[in-house]
Amino acid sequence: TTEKGTSTGGKAGDQTGREGRIRDLYPRSR
């Protein structure tokens, strides 16, 4: 997600350090 929690409309680049990351596998409701 963008820094706004959206799919569009954010600033270019990683604004939070978490927009793109290496993470553990997690459960999803879907």
PDB file of all heavy atoms in Angstrom:
ATOM      1  N   THR A   1       0.842  -1.206   0.000  1.00  0.00           N
ATOM      2  CA  THR A   1       0.000   0.000   0.000  1.00  0.00           C
ATOM      3  C   THR A   1       0.871   1.248   0.000  1.00  0.00           C
ATOM      4  O   THR A   1       2.038   1.212   0.396  1.00  0.00           O
ATOM      5  CB  THR A   1      -0.928   0.008   1.227  1.00  0.00           C
ATOM      6  OG1 THR A   1      -1.793   1.148   1.185  1.00  0.00           O
ATOM      7  CG2 THR A   1      -0.146   0.048   2.523  1.00  0.00           C
ATOM      8  N   THR A   2       0.298   2.368  -0.458  1.00  0.00           N
ATOM      9  CA  THR A   2       0.998   3.650  -0.375  1.00  0.00           C
ATOM     10  C   THR A   2       1.016   4.121   1.076  1.00  0.00           C
ATOM     11  O   THR A   2       0.405   3.511   1.961  1.00  0.00           O
ATOM     12  CB  THR A   2       0.286   4.720  -1.219  1.00  0.00           C
ATOM     13  OG1 THR A   2      -0.959   5.059  -0.587  1.00  0.00           O
ATOM     14  CG2 THR A   2       0.020   4.234  -2.637  1.00  0.00           C
ATOM     15  N   GLU A   3       1.693   5.232   1.296  1.00  0.00           N
ATOM     16  CA  GLU A   3       1.738   5.799   2.644  1.00  0.00           C
ATOM     17  C   GLU A   3       0.353   6.244   3.118  1.00  0.00           C
ATOM     18  O   GLU A   3       0.115   6.428   4.315  1.00  0.00           O
ATOM     19  CB  GLU A   3       2.734   6.965   2.709  1.00  0.00           C
ATOM     20  CG  GLU A   3       2.267   8.269   2.072  1.00  0.00           C
ATOM     21  CD  GLU A   3       2.465   8.323   0.570  1.00  0.00           C
ATOM     22  OE1 GLU A   3       2.792   7.264  -0.029  1.00  0.00           O
ATOM     23  OE2 GLU A   3       2.292   9.418  -0.012  1.00  0.00           O
ATOM     24  N   LYS A   4      -0.586   6.365   2.184  1.00  0.00           N
ATOM     25  CA  LYS A   4      -1.944   6.772   2.530  1.00  0.00           C
ATOM     26  C   LYS A   4      -2.866   5.582   2.792  1.00  0.00           C
ATOM     27  O   LYS A   4      -4.041   5.759   3.094  1.00  0.00           O
ATOM     28  CB  LYS A   4      -2.535   7.617   1.404  1.00  0.00           C
ATOM     29  CG  LYS A   4      -1.834   8.936   1.162  1.00  0.00           C
ATOM     30  CD  LYS A   4      -2.503   9.706   0.033  1.00  0.00           C
ATOM     31  CE  LYS A   4      -1.853  11.063  -0.185  1.00  0.00           C
ATOM     32  NZ  LYS A   4      -2.531  11.813  -1.285  1.00  0.00           N
ATOM     33  N   GLY A   5      -2.322   4.374   2.630  1.00  0.00           N
ATOM     34  CA  GLY A   5      -3.153   3.191   2.775  1.00  0.00           C
ATOM     35  C   GLY A   5      -4.016   2.941   1.560  1.00  0.00           C
ATOM     36  O   GLY A   5      -5.032   2.235   1.639  1.00  0.00           O
ATOM     37  N   THR A   6      -3.610   3.504   0.424  1.00  0.00           N
ATOM     38  CA  THR A   6      -4.378   3.390  -0.816  1.00  0.00           C
ATOM     39  C   THR A   6      -3.524   2.722  -1.881  1.00  0.00           C
ATOM     40  O   THR A   6      -2.318   2.507  -1.700  1.00  0.00           O
ATOM     41  CB  THR A   6      -4.807   4.770  -1.310  1.00  0.00           C
ATOM     42  OG1 THR A   6      -3.627   5.566  -1.544  1.00  0.00           O
ATOM     43  CG2 THR A   6      -5.694   5.463  -0.282  1.00  0.00           C
ATOM     44  N   SER A   7      -4.127   2.416  -3.021  1.00  0.00           N
ATOM     45  CA  SER A   7      -3.372   1.828  -4.127  1.00  0.00           C
ATOM     46  C   SER A   7      -2.833   2.892  -5.074  1.00  0.00           C
ATOM     47  O   SER A   7      -1.902   2.639  -5.835  1.00  0.00           O
ATOM     48  CB  SER A   7      -4.246   0.841  -4.906  1.00  0.00           C
ATOM     49  OG  SER A   7      -5.395   1.489  -5.424  1.00  0.00           O
ATOM     50  N   THR A   8      -3.400   4.092  -5.036  1.00  0.00           N
ATOM     51  CA  THR A   8      -2.956   5.196  -5.894  1.00  0.00           C
ATOM     52  C   THR A   8      -2.908   6.480  -5.082  1.00  0.00           C
ATOM     53  O   THR A   8      -3.389   6.549  -3.951  1.00  0.00           O
ATOM     54  CB  THR A   8      -3.921   5.388  -7.087  1.00  0.00           C
ATOM     55  OG1 THR A   8      -5.230   5.699  -6.573  1.00  0.00           O
ATOM     56  CG2 THR A   8      -4.003   4.147  -7.955  1.00  0.00           C
ATOM     57  N   GLY A   9      -2.275   7.492  -5.689  1.00  0.00           N
ATOM     58  CA  GLY A   9      -2.306   8.815  -5.085  1.00  0.00           C
ATOM     59  C   GLY A   9      -1.214   9.110  -4.080  1.00  0.00           C
ATOM     60  O   GLY A   9      -1.176  10.203  -3.508  1.00  0.00           O
ATOM     61  N   GLY A  10      -0.313   8.192  -3.839  1.00  0.00           N
ATOM     62  CA  GLY A  10       0.776   8.441  -2.906  1.00  0.00           C
ATOM     63  C   GLY A  10       1.959   9.105  -3.571  1.00  0.00           C
ATOM     64  O   GLY A  10       2.017   9.251  -4.797  1.00  0.00           O
ATOM     65  N   LYS A  11       2.925   9.523  -2.770  1.00  0.00           N
ATOM     66  CA  LYS A  11       4.159  10.084  -3.302  1.00  0.00           C
ATOM     67  C   LYS A  11       5.038   8.969  -3.853  1.00  0.00           C
ATOM     68  O   LYS A  11       4.991   7.837  -3.374  1.00  0.00           O
ATOM     69  CB  LYS A  11       4.908  10.848  -2.209  1.00  0.00           C
ATOM     70  CG  LYS A  11       4.222  12.106  -1.730  1.00  0.00           C
ATOM     71  CD  LYS A  11       5.079  12.817  -0.687  1.00  0.00           C
ATOM     72  CE  LYS A  11       4.428  14.099  -0.210  1.00  0.00           C
ATOM     73  NZ  LYS A  11       5.257  14.787   0.812  1.00  0.00           N
ATOM     74  N   ALA A  12       5.843   9.304  -4.854  1.00  0.00           N
ATOM     75  CA  ALA A  12       6.761   8.324  -5.422  1.00  0.00           C
ATOM     76  C   ALA A  12       7.786   7.914  -4.380  1.00  0.00           C
ATOM     77  O   ALA A  12       8.224   8.727  -3.557  1.00  0.00           O
ATOM     78  CB  ALA A  12       7.448   8.903  -6.648  1.00  0.00           C
ATOM     79  N   GLY A  13       8.170   6.665  -4.414  1.00  0.00           N
ATOM     80  CA  GLY A  13       9.170   6.165  -3.483  1.00  0.00           C
ATOM     81  C   GLY A  13       8.543   5.679  -2.187  1.00  0.00           C
ATOM     82  O   GLY A  13       7.357   5.904  -1.910  1.00  0.00           O
ATOM     83  N   ASP A  14       9.348   5.026  -1.375  1.00  0.00           N
ATOM     84  CA  ASP A  14       8.868   4.443  -0.118  1.00  0.00           C
ATOM     85  C   ASP A  14       8.855   5.506   0.976  1.00  0.00           C
ATOM     86  O   ASP A  14       9.901   5.903   1.479  1.00  0.00           O
ATOM     87  CB  ASP A  14       9.769   3.269   0.267  1.00  0.00           C
ATOM     88  CG  ASP A  14       9.200   2.447   1.412  1.00  0.00           C
ATOM     89  OD1 ASP A  14       8.158   2.832   1.966  1.00  0.00           O
ATOM     90  OD2 ASP A  14       9.798   1.406   1.736  1.00  0.00           O
ATOM     91  N   GLN A  15       7.676   5.941   1.354  1.00  0.00           N
ATOM     92  CA  GLN A  15       7.529   7.022   2.338  1.00  0.00           C
ATOM     93  C   GLN A  15       7.498   6.505   3.777  1.00  0.00           C
ATOM     94  O   GLN A  15       7.687   7.280   4.717  1.00  0.00           O
ATOM     95  CB  GLN A  15       6.248   7.801   2.055  1.00  0.00           C
ATOM     96  CG  GLN A  15       6.144   8.350   0.646  1.00  0.00           C
ATOM     97  CD  GLN A  15       7.300   9.275   0.304  1.00  0.00           C
ATOM     98  OE1 GLN A  15       7.626  10.189   1.077  1.00  0.00           O
ATOM     99  NE2 GLN A  15       7.941   9.034  -0.836  1.00  0.00           N
ATOM    100  N   THR A  16       7.251   5.219   3.948  1.00  0.00           N
ATOM    101  CA  THR A  16       7.071   4.679   5.301  1.00  0.00           C
ATOM    102  C   THR A  16       8.090   3.620   5.679  1.00  0.00           C
ATOM    103  O   THR A  16       8.186   3.245   6.851  1.00  0.00           O
ATOM    104  CB  THR A  16       5.672   4.056   5.439  1.00  0.00           C
ATOM    105  OG1 THR A  16       5.582   2.900   4.574  1.00  0.00           O
ATOM    106  CG2 THR A  16       4.585   5.054   5.078  1.00  0.00           C
ATOM    107  N   GLY A  17       8.863   3.145   4.693  1.00  0.00           N
ATOM    108  CA  GLY A  17       9.774   2.022   4.954  1.00  0.00           C
ATOM    109  C   GLY A  17       9.061   0.685   4.946  1.00  0.00           C
ATOM    110  O   GLY A  17       9.680  -0.355   5.199  1.00  0.00           O
ATOM    111  N   ARG A  18       7.754   0.713   4.647  1.00  0.00           N
ATOM    112  CA  ARG A  18       6.967  -0.515   4.670  1.00  0.00           C
ATOM    113  C   ARG A  18       6.099  -0.690   3.421  1.00  0.00           C
ATOM    114  O   ARG A  18       5.322  -1.649   3.342  1.00  0.00           O
ATOM    115  CB  ARG A  18       6.064  -0.533   5.912  1.00  0.00           C
ATOM    116  CG  ARG A  18       6.828  -0.564   7.222  1.00  0.00           C
ATOM    117  CD  ARG A  18       5.905  -0.314   8.414  1.00  0.00           C
ATOM    118  NE  ARG A  18       4.856  -1.329   8.513  1.00  0.00           N
ATOM    119  CZ  ARG A  18       5.012  -2.506   9.112  1.00  0.00           C
ATOM    120  NH1 ARG A  18       6.181  -2.824   9.649  1.00  0.00           N
ATOM    121  NH2 ARG A  18       4.006  -3.362   9.195  1.00  0.00           N
ATOM    122  N   GLU A  19       6.228   0.218   2.463  1.00  0.00           N
ATOM    123  CA  GLU A  19       5.408   0.089   1.253  1.00  0.00           C
ATOM    124  C   GLU A  19       5.797  -1.167   0.470  1.00  0.00           C
ATOM    125  O   GLU A  19       4.956  -1.843  -0.107  1.00  0.00           O
ATOM    126  CB  GLU A  19       5.541   1.339   0.388  1.00  0.00           C
ATOM    127  CG  GLU A  19       4.936   2.580   1.040  1.00  0.00           C
ATOM    128  CD  GLU A  19       4.980   3.797   0.132  1.00  0.00           C
ATOM    129  OE1 GLU A  19       4.836   3.636  -1.101  1.00  0.00           O
ATOM    130  OE2 GLU A  19       5.153   4.921   0.645  1.00  0.00           O
ATOM    131  N   GLY A  20       7.081  -1.435   0.425  1.00  0.00           N
ATOM    132  CA  GLY A  20       7.594  -2.684  -0.117  1.00  0.00           C
ATOM    133  C   GLY A  20       8.568  -3.259   0.893  1.00  0.00           C
ATOM    134  O   GLY A  20       9.452  -2.551   1.374  1.00  0.00           O
ATOM    135  N   ARG A  21       8.419  -4.516   1.245  1.00  0.00           N
ATOM    136  CA  ARG A  21       9.253  -5.058   2.321  1.00  0.00           C
ATOM    137  C   ARG A  21       9.358  -6.574   2.215  1.00  0.00           C
ATOM    138  O   ARG A  21       8.619  -7.231   1.478  1.00  0.00           O
ATOM    139  CB  ARG A  21       8.672  -4.680   3.675  1.00  0.00           C
ATOM    140  CG  ARG A  21       7.207  -5.080   3.855  1.00  0.00           C
ATOM    141  CD  ARG A  21       6.696  -4.736   5.222  1.00  0.00           C
ATOM    142  NE  ARG A  21       5.246  -4.854   5.326  1.00  0.00           N
ATOM    143  CZ  ARG A  21       4.600  -5.122   6.456  1.00  0.00           C
ATOM    144  NH1 ARG A  21       5.289  -5.292   7.576  1.00  0.00           N
ATOM    145  NH2 ARG A  21       3.290  -5.207   6.470  1.00  0.00           N
ATOM    146  N   ILE A  22      10.294  -7.124   2.988  1.00  0.00           N
ATOM    147  CA  ILE A  22      10.401  -8.560   3.204  1.00  0.00           C
ATOM    148  C   ILE A  22       9.722  -8.849   4.532  1.00  0.00           C
ATOM    149  O   ILE A  22      10.084  -8.262   5.559  1.00  0.00           O
ATOM    150  CB  ILE A  22      11.867  -9.027   3.241  1.00  0.00           C
ATOM    151  CG1 ILE A  22      12.609  -8.621   1.957  1.00  0.00           C
ATOM    152  CG2 ILE A  22      11.934 -10.535   3.466  1.00  0.00           C
ATOM    153  CD1 ILE A  22      12.100  -9.259   0.697  1.00  0.00           C
ATOM    154  N   ARG A  23       8.755  -9.739   4.519  1.00  0.00           N
ATOM    155  CA  ARG A  23       7.978  -9.962   5.730  1.00  0.00           C
ATOM    156  C   ARG A  23       7.662 -11.448   5.908  1.00  0.00           C
ATOM    157  O   ARG A  23       7.878 -12.273   5.002  1.00  0.00           O
ATOM    158  CB  ARG A  23       6.680  -9.165   5.674  1.00  0.00           C
ATOM    159  CG  ARG A  23       5.736  -9.573   4.540  1.00  0.00           C
ATOM    160  CD  ARG A  23       4.366  -8.929   4.697  1.00  0.00           C
ATOM    161  NE  ARG A  23       3.714  -9.366   5.929  1.00  0.00           N
ATOM    162  CZ  ARG A  23       2.614  -8.804   6.422  1.00  0.00           C
ATOM    163  NH1 ARG A  23       2.041  -7.783   5.797  1.00  0.00           N
ATOM    164  NH2 ARG A  23       2.075  -9.245   7.542  1.00  0.00           N
ATOM    165  N   ASP A  24       7.140 -11.784   7.091  1.00  0.00           N
ATOM    166  CA  ASP A  24       6.667 -13.137   7.347  1.00  0.00           C
ATOM    167  C   ASP A  24       5.372 -13.381   6.580  1.00  0.00           C
ATOM    168  O   ASP A  24       4.617 -12.446   6.267  1.00  0.00           O
ATOM    169  CB  ASP A  24       6.399 -13.349   8.842  1.00  0.00           C
ATOM    170  CG  ASP A  24       7.669 -13.343   9.681  1.00  0.00           C
ATOM    171  OD1 ASP A  24       8.742 -13.688   9.126  1.00  0.00           O
ATOM    172  OD2 ASP A  24       7.588 -13.002  10.873  1.00  0.00           O
ATOM    173  N   LEU A  25       5.114 -14.642   6.305  1.00  0.00           N
ATOM    174  CA  LEU A  25       3.829 -15.012   5.740  1.00  0.00           C
ATOM    175  C   LEU A  25       2.735 -14.738   6.769  1.00  0.00           C
ATOM    176  O   LEU A  25       2.932 -14.950   7.964  1.00  0.00           O
ATOM    177  CB  LEU A  25       3.847 -16.494   5.367  1.00  0.00           C
ATOM    178  CG  LEU A  25       2.602 -17.063   4.685  1.00  0.00           C
ATOM    179  CD1 LEU A  25       2.280 -16.318   3.397  1.00  0.00           C
ATOM    180  CD2 LEU A  25       2.802 -18.550   4.399  1.00  0.00           C
ATOM    181  N   TYR A  26       1.607 -14.277   6.305  1.00  0.00           N
ATOM    182  CA  TYR A  26       0.544 -13.892   7.237  1.00  0.00           C
ATOM    183  C   TYR A  26      -0.803 -14.404   6.728  1.00  0.00           C
ATOM    184  O   TYR A  26      -1.004 -14.614   5.528  1.00  0.00           O
ATOM    185  CB  TYR A  26       0.508 -12.371   7.398  1.00  0.00           C
ATOM    186  CG  TYR A  26       0.146 -11.623   6.121  1.00  0.00           C
ATOM    187  CD1 TYR A  26      -1.157 -11.215   5.893  1.00  0.00           C
ATOM    188  CD2 TYR A  26       1.117 -11.338   5.160  1.00  0.00           C
ATOM    189  CE1 TYR A  26      -1.500 -10.534   4.725  1.00  0.00           C
ATOM    190  CE2 TYR A  26       0.790 -10.659   4.006  1.00  0.00           C
ATOM    191  CZ  TYR A  26      -0.515 -10.260   3.789  1.00  0.00           C
ATOM    192  OH  TYR A  26      -0.851  -9.598   2.639  1.00  0.00           O
ATOM    193  N   PRO A  27      -1.775 -14.593   7.652  1.00  0.00           N
ATOM    194  CA  PRO A  27      -3.105 -15.038   7.230  1.00  0.00           C
ATOM    195  C   PRO A  27      -3.898 -13.873   6.642  1.00  0.00           C
ATOM    196  O   PRO A  27      -3.732 -12.727   7.051  1.00  0.00           O
ATOM    197  CB  PRO A  27      -3.728 -15.537   8.529  1.00  0.00           C
ATOM    198  CG  PRO A  27      -3.049 -14.734   9.595  1.00  0.00           C
ATOM    199  CD  PRO A  27      -1.649 -14.499   9.122  1.00  0.00           C
ATOM    200  N   ARG A  28      -4.726 -14.168   5.673  1.00  0.00           N
ATOM    201  CA  ARG A  28      -5.583 -13.153   5.057  1.00  0.00           C
ATOM    202  C   ARG A  28      -7.037 -13.602   5.163  1.00  0.00           C
ATOM    203  O   ARG A  28      -7.345 -14.791   5.026  1.00  0.00           O
ATOM    204  CB  ARG A  28      -5.231 -12.960   3.575  1.00  0.00           C
ATOM    205  CG  ARG A  28      -3.805 -12.568   3.307  1.00  0.00           C
ATOM    206  CD  ARG A  28      -3.533 -12.513   1.805  1.00  0.00           C
ATOM    207  NE  ARG A  28      -4.159 -11.363   1.159  1.00  0.00           N
ATOM    208  CZ  ARG A  28      -5.000 -11.437   0.139  1.00  0.00           C
ATOM    209  NH1 ARG A  28      -5.364 -12.610  -0.344  1.00  0.00           N
ATOM    210  NH2 ARG A  28      -5.504 -10.342  -0.397  1.00  0.00           N
ATOM    211  N   SER A  29      -7.924 -12.656   5.349  1.00  0.00           N
ATOM    212  CA  SER A  29      -9.343 -13.008   5.414  1.00  0.00           C
ATOM    213  C   SER A  29      -9.813 -13.614   4.094  1.00  0.00           C
ATOM    214  O   SER A  29     -10.711 -14.463   4.073  1.00  0.00           O
ATOM    215  CB  SER A  29     -10.180 -11.769   5.751  1.00  0.00           C
ATOM    216  OG  SER A  29     -10.001 -10.758   4.767  1.00  0.00           O
ATOM    217  N   ARG A  30      -9.186 -13.196   2.997  1.00  0.00           N
ATOM    218  CA  ARG A  30      -9.549 -13.724   1.668  1.00  0.00           C
ATOM    219  C   ARG A  30      -8.723 -14.950   1.289  1.00  0.00           C
ATOM    220  O   ARG A  30      -8.953 -15.558   0.240  1.00  0.00           O
ATOM    221  CB  ARG A  30      -9.401 -12.625   0.618  1.00  0.00           C
ATOM    222  CG  ARG A  30     -10.259 -11.386   0.917  1.00  0.00           C
ATOM    223  CD  ARG A  30      -9.958 -10.242  -0.029  1.00  0.00           C
ATOM    224  NE  ARG A  30     -10.452 -10.497  -1.376  1.00  0.00           N
ATOM    225  CZ  ARG A  30     -10.246  -9.676  -2.409  1.00  0.00           C
ATOM    226  NH1 ARG A  30      -9.568  -8.550  -2.223  1.00  0.00           N
ATOM    227  NH2 ARG A  30     -10.729  -9.962  -3.593  1.00  0.00           N
TER     228      ARG A  30
END
